[in-house]
Amino acid sequence: MRGFQKNQNGFTLLEVLLSIVLLGIILTSFAGLFAQSAEFTKRNDQKLTAVQISQKVVNIIEENVTKQSLIDDNIVDSAGKVIGGSRILSQAEIEDDISQTLNPGFIVSAVITNSSAENLIQYKIIVQEKTNLKNQSETFTYIRR
């Protein structure tokens, strides 16, 4: 009868366990990177949405708001000067002016002031995310007096 020869080509239990532990550590670190990447992508998407909303509001204001409509709303006087120097519009007032409902996940406001240029009224559009007020986009446009 022949004696058994030891096969030295296989893996020991210790080697298998060590490789599983190392693989688990590496995969755990990658999972953290993927989670951070997803959060970063979400924040950037929200910032981009805020910028797009502010630009949309600016475009609609440029198309629909006139000096006469501001006079009718008692925002400016007949000379085209903002009454009181500046006026803050809420989201409801802006939606009423532009006849559109804006994204409910964001707070939109506007500050109307007299521009340093003689024939212009400055509109400052501010868009903030409701869940993160630090995420804010500001855009400016002007209306001729």
N, C-alpha and C. Protein backbone atom coordinates (compact mmCIF):
# COMPACT_ATOMS: atom_id res chain seq x y z
N MET A 1 0.81 -1.16 0.00
CA MET A 1 0.00 0.00 0.00
C MET A 1 0.87 1.24 0.00
N ARG A 2 0.45 2.12 -0.76
CA ARG A 2 1.25 3.33 -0.88
C ARG A 2 0.88 4.32 0.19
N GLY A 3 1.78 5.13 0.58
CA GLY A 3 1.51 6.16 1.59
C GLY A 3 0.91 7.40 0.94
N PHE A 4 0.14 8.09 1.71
CA PHE A 4 -0.47 9.33 1.20
C PHE A 4 0.56 10.42 1.11
N GLN A 5 0.52 11.15 0.02
CA GLN A 5 1.40 12.30 -0.13
C GLN A 5 0.62 13.56 0.24
N LYS A 6 1.25 14.46 0.93
CA LYS A 6 0.60 15.71 1.29
C LYS A 6 0.58 16.62 0.07
N ASN A 7 -0.57 17.18 -0.20
CA ASN A 7 -0.73 18.11 -1.33
C ASN A 7 -0.48 19.52 -0.80
N GLN A 8 0.57 20.13 -1.25
CA GLN A 8 0.94 21.47 -0.79
C GLN A 8 0.40 22.56 -1.70
N ASN A 9 -0.40 22.24 -2.69
CA ASN A 9 -0.89 23.22 -3.66
C ASN A 9 -2.15 23.95 -3.20
N GLY A 10 -2.88 23.51 -2.22
CA GLY A 10 -4.15 24.10 -1.81
C GLY A 10 -3.96 25.25 -0.82
N PHE A 11 -5.10 25.86 -0.46
CA PHE A 11 -5.10 26.96 0.52
C PHE A 11 -5.43 26.40 1.89
N THR A 12 -4.80 26.97 2.88
CA THR A 12 -5.15 26.57 4.24
C THR A 12 -6.36 27.38 4.69
N LEU A 13 -6.99 26.94 5.75
CA LEU A 13 -8.15 27.65 6.28
C LEU A 13 -7.77 29.06 6.71
N LEU A 14 -6.60 29.22 7.27
CA LEU A 14 -6.14 30.54 7.70
C LEU A 14 -5.99 31.48 6.50
N GLU A 15 -5.45 31.01 5.40
CA GLU A 15 -5.30 31.84 4.21
C GLU A 15 -6.66 32.26 3.65
N VAL A 16 -7.61 31.37 3.64
CA VAL A 16 -8.95 31.69 3.14
C VAL A 16 -9.61 32.74 4.03
N LEU A 17 -9.51 32.57 5.35
CA LEU A 17 -10.11 33.53 6.28
C LEU A 17 -9.46 34.90 6.15
N LEU A 18 -8.15 34.95 6.04
CA LEU A 18 -7.45 36.23 5.87
C LEU A 18 -7.86 36.92 4.58
N SER A 19 -7.99 36.19 3.51
CA SER A 19 -8.39 36.80 2.24
C SER A 19 -9.82 37.33 2.32
N ILE A 20 -10.71 36.62 3.02
CA ILE A 20 -12.08 37.10 3.19
C ILE A 20 -12.10 38.38 4.02
N VAL A 21 -11.32 38.43 5.09
CA VAL A 21 -11.27 39.62 5.94
C VAL A 21 -10.72 40.81 5.15
N LEU A 22 -9.64 40.62 4.41
CA LEU A 22 -9.06 41.70 3.60
C LEU A 22 -10.04 42.17 2.53
N LEU A 23 -10.70 41.25 1.89
CA LEU A 23 -11.69 41.62 0.88
C LEU A 23 -12.85 42.40 1.51
N GLY A 24 -13.27 42.01 2.70
CA GLY A 24 -14.32 42.73 3.42
C GLY A 24 -13.90 44.15 3.76
N ILE A 25 -12.66 44.34 4.20
CA ILE A 25 -12.16 45.68 4.52
C ILE A 25 -12.13 46.55 3.27
N ILE A 26 -11.65 46.02 2.18
CA ILE A 26 -11.56 46.78 0.93
C ILE A 26 -12.96 47.15 0.43
N LEU A 27 -13.88 46.21 0.43
CA LEU A 27 -15.24 46.49 -0.04
C LEU A 27 -15.95 47.49 0.85
N THR A 28 -15.69 47.44 2.16
CA THR A 28 -16.29 48.41 3.08
C THR A 28 -15.80 49.82 2.77
N SER A 29 -14.52 49.97 2.48
CA SER A 29 -14.01 51.31 2.15
C SER A 29 -14.60 51.80 0.83
N PHE A 30 -14.77 50.93 -0.13
CA PHE A 30 -15.40 51.34 -1.39
C PHE A 30 -16.87 51.71 -1.20
N ALA A 31 -17.56 51.03 -0.31
CA ALA A 31 -18.96 51.35 -0.04
C ALA A 31 -19.08 52.76 0.51
N GLY A 32 -18.15 53.16 1.38
CA GLY A 32 -18.14 54.53 1.89
C GLY A 32 -17.92 55.55 0.79
N LEU A 33 -17.04 55.24 -0.13
CA LEU A 33 -16.80 56.14 -1.26
C LEU A 33 -18.05 56.27 -2.13
N PHE A 34 -18.73 55.17 -2.36
CA PHE A 34 -19.94 55.22 -3.17
C PHE A 34 -21.04 56.03 -2.48
N ALA A 35 -21.16 55.90 -1.17
CA ALA A 35 -22.16 56.67 -0.43
C ALA A 35 -21.85 58.16 -0.49
N GLN A 36 -20.57 58.52 -0.34
CA GLN A 36 -20.18 59.93 -0.44
C GLN A 36 -20.42 60.46 -1.84
N SER A 37 -20.13 59.66 -2.82
CA SER A 37 -20.35 60.07 -4.21
C SER A 37 -21.84 60.30 -4.48
N ALA A 38 -22.69 59.45 -3.96
CA ALA A 38 -24.13 59.61 -4.15
C ALA A 38 -24.62 60.88 -3.46
N GLU A 39 -24.12 61.17 -2.26
CA GLU A 39 -24.52 62.38 -1.54
C GLU A 39 -24.03 63.63 -2.28
N PHE A 40 -22.81 63.58 -2.79
CA PHE A 40 -22.25 64.70 -3.55
C PHE A 40 -23.08 64.96 -4.81
N THR A 41 -23.46 63.90 -5.49
CA THR A 41 -24.28 64.02 -6.69
C THR A 41 -25.65 64.62 -6.36
N LYS A 42 -26.23 64.20 -5.26
CA LYS A 42 -27.54 64.72 -4.84
C LYS A 42 -27.45 66.21 -4.54
N ARG A 43 -26.40 66.63 -3.80
CA ARG A 43 -26.24 68.05 -3.48
C ARG A 43 -26.04 68.89 -4.73
N ASN A 44 -25.23 68.40 -5.65
CA ASN A 44 -25.01 69.14 -6.89
C ASN A 44 -26.28 69.23 -7.73
N ASP A 45 -27.07 68.17 -7.72
CA ASP A 45 -28.34 68.20 -8.45
C ASP A 45 -29.29 69.24 -7.86
N GLN A 46 -29.32 69.34 -6.53
CA GLN A 46 -30.18 70.33 -5.88
C GLN A 46 -29.69 71.76 -6.16
N LYS A 47 -28.37 71.96 -6.18
CA LYS A 47 -27.84 73.28 -6.51
C LYS A 47 -28.19 73.65 -7.95
N LEU A 48 -28.05 72.70 -8.84
CA LEU A 48 -28.37 72.95 -10.24
C LEU A 48 -29.86 73.25 -10.41
N THR A 49 -30.71 72.55 -9.67
CA THR A 49 -32.14 72.82 -9.73
C THR A 49 -32.45 74.23 -9.26
N ALA A 50 -31.80 74.67 -8.18
CA ALA A 50 -32.00 76.04 -7.67
C ALA A 50 -31.59 77.07 -8.71
N VAL A 51 -30.47 76.84 -9.37
CA VAL A 51 -30.00 77.77 -10.42
C VAL A 51 -30.98 77.79 -11.58
N GLN A 52 -31.48 76.62 -11.97
CA GLN A 52 -32.43 76.56 -13.08
C GLN A 52 -33.74 77.26 -12.75
N ILE A 53 -34.22 77.10 -11.51
CA ILE A 53 -35.45 77.79 -11.11
C ILE A 53 -35.25 79.29 -11.14
N SER A 54 -34.12 79.76 -10.60
CA SER A 54 -33.88 81.21 -10.59
C SER A 54 -33.78 81.76 -12.01
N GLN A 55 -33.14 81.02 -12.90
CA GLN A 55 -33.05 81.48 -14.29
C GLN A 55 -34.41 81.47 -14.97
N LYS A 56 -35.23 80.46 -14.65
CA LYS A 56 -36.58 80.40 -15.21
C LYS A 56 -37.40 81.60 -14.76
N VAL A 57 -37.32 81.93 -13.46
CA VAL A 57 -38.06 83.08 -12.94
C VAL A 57 -37.59 84.36 -13.61
N VAL A 58 -36.28 84.51 -13.78
CA VAL A 58 -35.74 85.70 -14.45
C VAL A 58 -36.28 85.81 -15.86
N ASN A 59 -36.27 84.71 -16.59
CA ASN A 59 -36.78 84.74 -17.97
C ASN A 59 -38.25 85.12 -18.02
N ILE A 60 -39.05 84.57 -17.12
CA ILE A 60 -40.48 84.89 -17.10
C ILE A 60 -40.70 86.34 -16.71
N ILE A 61 -39.93 86.83 -15.74
CA ILE A 61 -40.06 88.24 -15.33
C ILE A 61 -39.70 89.16 -16.49
N GLU A 62 -38.63 88.84 -17.19
CA GLU A 62 -38.23 89.67 -18.33
C GLU A 62 -39.30 89.71 -19.41
N GLU A 63 -40.04 88.61 -19.57
CA GLU A 63 -41.09 88.56 -20.58
C GLU A 63 -42.39 89.22 -20.14
N ASN A 64 -42.75 89.09 -18.86
CA ASN A 64 -44.09 89.46 -18.42
C ASN A 64 -44.20 90.70 -17.55
N VAL A 65 -43.15 91.07 -16.84
CA VAL A 65 -43.25 92.19 -15.90
C VAL A 65 -42.82 93.47 -16.61
N THR A 66 -43.67 94.46 -16.52
CA THR A 66 -43.38 95.77 -17.12
C THR A 66 -43.46 96.84 -16.04
N LYS A 67 -43.02 98.01 -16.41
CA LYS A 67 -43.12 99.14 -15.48
C LYS A 67 -44.57 99.35 -15.09
N GLN A 68 -45.47 99.25 -16.05
CA GLN A 68 -46.89 99.48 -15.77
C GLN A 68 -47.44 98.44 -14.80
N SER A 69 -47.03 97.18 -14.95
CA SER A 69 -47.52 96.15 -14.01
C SER A 69 -46.98 96.40 -12.61
N LEU A 70 -45.77 96.93 -12.50
CA LEU A 70 -45.22 97.27 -11.18
C LEU A 70 -45.95 98.46 -10.57
N ILE A 71 -46.35 99.41 -11.41
CA ILE A 71 -47.15 100.55 -10.92
C ILE A 71 -48.50 100.05 -10.44
N ASP A 72 -49.13 99.15 -11.22
CA ASP A 72 -50.44 98.61 -10.84
C ASP A 72 -50.37 97.84 -9.52
N ASP A 73 -49.24 97.19 -9.24
CA ASP A 73 -49.07 96.43 -8.00
C ASP A 73 -48.56 97.29 -6.84
N ASN A 74 -48.46 98.61 -7.06
CA ASN A 74 -47.97 99.55 -6.05
C ASN A 74 -46.55 99.23 -5.57
N ILE A 75 -45.73 98.78 -6.50
CA ILE A 75 -44.33 98.52 -6.18
C ILE A 75 -43.48 99.72 -6.56
N VAL A 76 -43.79 100.34 -7.69
CA VAL A 76 -43.07 101.55 -8.10
C VAL A 76 -44.08 102.69 -8.28
N ASP A 77 -43.55 103.92 -8.19
CA ASP A 77 -44.41 105.08 -8.42
C ASP A 77 -44.44 105.41 -9.91
N SER A 78 -45.12 106.47 -10.27
CA SER A 78 -45.27 106.81 -11.69
C SER A 78 -43.95 107.21 -12.32
N ALA A 79 -42.97 107.62 -11.52
CA ALA A 79 -41.65 107.97 -12.06
C ALA A 79 -40.78 106.74 -12.26
N GLY A 80 -41.25 105.59 -11.81
CA GLY A 80 -40.48 104.36 -11.96
C GLY A 80 -39.56 104.07 -10.80
N LYS A 81 -39.70 104.78 -9.70
CA LYS A 81 -38.88 104.54 -8.51
C LYS A 81 -39.60 103.56 -7.59
N VAL A 82 -38.83 102.63 -7.02
CA VAL A 82 -39.41 101.66 -6.09
C VAL A 82 -39.86 102.40 -4.84
N ILE A 83 -41.10 102.18 -4.46
CA ILE A 83 -41.66 102.85 -3.28
C ILE A 83 -40.95 102.32 -2.03
N GLY A 84 -40.38 103.24 -1.26
CA GLY A 84 -39.64 102.85 -0.05
C GLY A 84 -38.21 102.43 -0.33
N GLY A 85 -37.74 102.56 -1.55
CA GLY A 85 -36.35 102.22 -1.88
C GLY A 85 -36.15 100.77 -2.26
N SER A 86 -36.84 99.85 -1.58
CA SER A 86 -36.75 98.43 -1.95
C SER A 86 -38.02 97.73 -1.50
N ARG A 87 -38.26 96.58 -2.09
CA ARG A 87 -39.48 95.81 -1.78
C ARG A 87 -39.13 94.34 -1.91
N ILE A 88 -39.55 93.55 -0.93
CA ILE A 88 -39.32 92.11 -0.95
C ILE A 88 -40.63 91.43 -1.33
N LEU A 89 -40.55 90.56 -2.34
CA LEU A 89 -41.73 89.81 -2.79
C LEU A 89 -41.62 88.38 -2.30
N SER A 90 -42.73 87.85 -1.79
CA SER A 90 -42.76 86.45 -1.37
C SER A 90 -42.98 85.55 -2.59
N GLN A 91 -42.89 84.25 -2.35
CA GLN A 91 -43.10 83.30 -3.44
C GLN A 91 -44.52 83.42 -4.00
N ALA A 92 -45.50 83.63 -3.14
CA ALA A 92 -46.89 83.76 -3.60
C ALA A 92 -47.05 84.98 -4.50
N GLU A 93 -46.40 86.09 -4.13
CA GLU A 93 -46.48 87.31 -4.96
C GLU A 93 -45.79 87.11 -6.31
N ILE A 94 -44.67 86.41 -6.29
CA ILE A 94 -43.95 86.14 -7.55
C ILE A 94 -44.79 85.24 -8.44
N GLU A 95 -45.35 84.17 -7.87
CA GLU A 95 -46.19 83.26 -8.65
C GLU A 95 -47.40 83.99 -9.23
N ASP A 96 -47.94 84.94 -8.47
CA ASP A 96 -49.07 85.73 -8.97
C ASP A 96 -48.63 86.62 -10.13
N ASP A 97 -47.44 87.23 -10.00
CA ASP A 97 -46.93 88.12 -11.06
C ASP A 97 -46.64 87.37 -12.35
N ILE A 98 -46.07 86.15 -12.22
CA ILE A 98 -45.67 85.42 -13.43
C ILE A 98 -46.73 84.41 -13.87
N SER A 99 -47.80 84.27 -13.10
CA SER A 99 -48.91 83.36 -13.41
C SER A 99 -48.46 81.92 -13.57
N GLN A 100 -47.53 81.49 -12.72
CA GLN A 100 -47.07 80.11 -12.75
C GLN A 100 -46.77 79.65 -11.33
N THR A 101 -46.95 78.35 -11.08
CA THR A 101 -46.57 77.77 -9.79
C THR A 101 -45.14 77.27 -9.91
N LEU A 102 -44.33 77.60 -8.92
CA LEU A 102 -42.92 77.21 -8.94
C LEU A 102 -42.72 75.92 -8.16
N ASN A 103 -41.52 75.36 -8.25
CA ASN A 103 -41.16 74.11 -7.60
C ASN A 103 -41.44 74.19 -6.09
N PRO A 104 -42.29 73.28 -5.54
CA PRO A 104 -42.64 73.37 -4.12
C PRO A 104 -41.49 73.01 -3.18
N GLY A 105 -40.42 72.41 -3.67
CA GLY A 105 -39.29 72.06 -2.82
C GLY A 105 -38.34 73.21 -2.56
N PHE A 106 -38.64 74.36 -3.14
CA PHE A 106 -37.75 75.51 -3.02
C PHE A 106 -38.53 76.75 -2.60
N ILE A 107 -37.86 77.65 -1.89
CA ILE A 107 -38.43 78.93 -1.49
C ILE A 107 -37.89 79.99 -2.45
N VAL A 108 -38.79 80.69 -3.10
CA VAL A 108 -38.39 81.72 -4.07
C VAL A 108 -38.83 83.07 -3.53
N SER A 109 -37.91 84.02 -3.54
CA SER A 109 -38.25 85.40 -3.14
C SER A 109 -37.54 86.35 -4.08
N ALA A 110 -37.98 87.59 -4.07
CA ALA A 110 -37.37 88.60 -4.93
C ALA A 110 -37.22 89.90 -4.15
N VAL A 111 -36.14 90.60 -4.41
CA VAL A 111 -35.92 91.92 -3.83
C VAL A 111 -35.88 92.90 -5.00
N ILE A 112 -36.76 93.88 -4.97
CA ILE A 112 -36.82 94.88 -6.03
C ILE A 112 -36.25 96.17 -5.47
N THR A 113 -35.24 96.71 -6.14
CA THR A 113 -34.60 97.95 -5.67
C THR A 113 -34.38 98.89 -6.85
N ASN A 114 -34.15 100.15 -6.52
CA ASN A 114 -33.76 101.12 -7.53
C ASN A 114 -32.31 100.84 -7.91
N SER A 115 -32.06 100.74 -9.19
CA SER A 115 -30.71 100.50 -9.66
C SER A 115 -29.94 101.80 -9.66
N SER A 116 -28.61 101.69 -9.59
CA SER A 116 -27.79 102.90 -9.68
C SER A 116 -27.87 103.50 -11.08
N ALA A 117 -28.16 102.66 -12.06
CA ALA A 117 -28.39 103.19 -13.41
C ALA A 117 -29.73 103.92 -13.41
N GLU A 118 -29.81 105.00 -14.13
CA GLU A 118 -30.96 105.88 -14.02
C GLU A 118 -32.27 105.27 -14.49
N ASN A 119 -32.27 104.46 -15.52
CA ASN A 119 -33.53 104.00 -16.10
C ASN A 119 -33.84 102.53 -15.80
N LEU A 120 -33.29 101.98 -14.73
CA LEU A 120 -33.49 100.55 -14.48
C LEU A 120 -34.02 100.29 -13.07
N ILE A 121 -34.82 99.22 -12.97
CA ILE A 121 -35.28 98.70 -11.69
C ILE A 121 -34.65 97.32 -11.55
N GLN A 122 -33.96 97.07 -10.43
CA GLN A 122 -33.25 95.81 -10.25
C GLN A 122 -34.14 94.78 -9.56
N TYR A 123 -34.18 93.58 -10.14
CA TYR A 123 -34.85 92.43 -9.54
C TYR A 123 -33.76 91.46 -9.10
N LYS A 124 -33.72 91.11 -7.83
CA LYS A 124 -32.80 90.09 -7.34
C LYS A 124 -33.65 88.87 -6.97
N ILE A 125 -33.46 87.78 -7.67
CA ILE A 125 -34.22 86.55 -7.43
C ILE A 125 -33.38 85.65 -6.53
N ILE A 126 -33.98 85.20 -5.43
CA ILE A 126 -33.30 84.32 -4.48
C ILE A 126 -34.08 83.01 -4.41
N VAL A 127 -33.39 81.89 -4.65
CA VAL A 127 -34.01 80.57 -4.58
C VAL A 127 -33.26 79.76 -3.53
N GLN A 128 -33.99 79.24 -2.54
CA GLN A 128 -33.39 78.43 -1.48
C GLN A 128 -34.11 77.09 -1.39
N GLU A 129 -33.34 76.05 -1.11
CA GLU A 129 -33.94 74.74 -0.91
C GLU A 129 -34.60 74.71 0.46
N LYS A 130 -35.80 74.16 0.56
CA LYS A 130 -36.53 74.16 1.85
C LYS A 130 -35.82 73.33 2.91
N THR A 131 -35.19 72.23 2.52
CA THR A 131 -34.55 71.36 3.50
C THR A 131 -33.13 71.79 3.84
N ASN A 132 -32.54 72.67 3.04
CA ASN A 132 -31.17 73.14 3.28
C ASN A 132 -31.09 74.59 2.83
N LEU A 133 -31.33 75.51 3.75
CA LEU A 133 -31.37 76.93 3.38
C LEU A 133 -30.02 77.47 2.93
N LYS A 134 -28.93 76.72 3.21
CA LYS A 134 -27.61 77.15 2.75
C LYS A 134 -27.48 76.99 1.24
N ASN A 135 -28.26 76.08 0.68
CA ASN A 135 -28.26 75.90 -0.77
C ASN A 135 -29.10 77.02 -1.38
N GLN A 136 -28.42 78.03 -1.88
CA GLN A 136 -29.10 79.24 -2.34
C GLN A 136 -28.53 79.67 -3.68
N SER A 137 -29.41 80.15 -4.53
CA SER A 137 -29.00 80.71 -5.82
C SER A 137 -29.56 82.12 -5.93
N GLU A 138 -28.72 83.05 -6.34
CA GLU A 138 -29.14 84.44 -6.53
C GLU A 138 -28.89 84.83 -7.98
N THR A 139 -29.89 85.44 -8.59
CA THR A 139 -29.78 85.89 -9.97
C THR A 139 -30.39 87.28 -10.07
N PHE A 140 -29.85 88.10 -10.95
CA PHE A 140 -30.33 89.47 -11.10
C PHE A 140 -30.88 89.69 -12.50
N THR A 141 -31.86 90.57 -12.59
CA THR A 141 -32.34 91.06 -13.87
C THR A 141 -32.80 92.49 -13.66
N TYR A 142 -33.03 93.19 -14.76
CA TYR A 142 -33.41 94.60 -14.68
C TYR A 142 -34.63 94.86 -15.55
N ILE A 143 -35.47 95.78 -15.10
CA ILE A 143 -36.65 96.23 -15.84
C ILE A 143 -36.44 97.70 -16.16
N ARG A 144 -36.73 98.09 -17.38
CA ARG A 144 -36.62 99.52 -17.74
C ARG A 144 -37.74 100.31 -17.11
N ARG A 145 -37.40 101.52 -16.65
CA ARG A 145 -38.42 102.39 -16.05
C ARG A 145 -39.24 103.05 -17.12
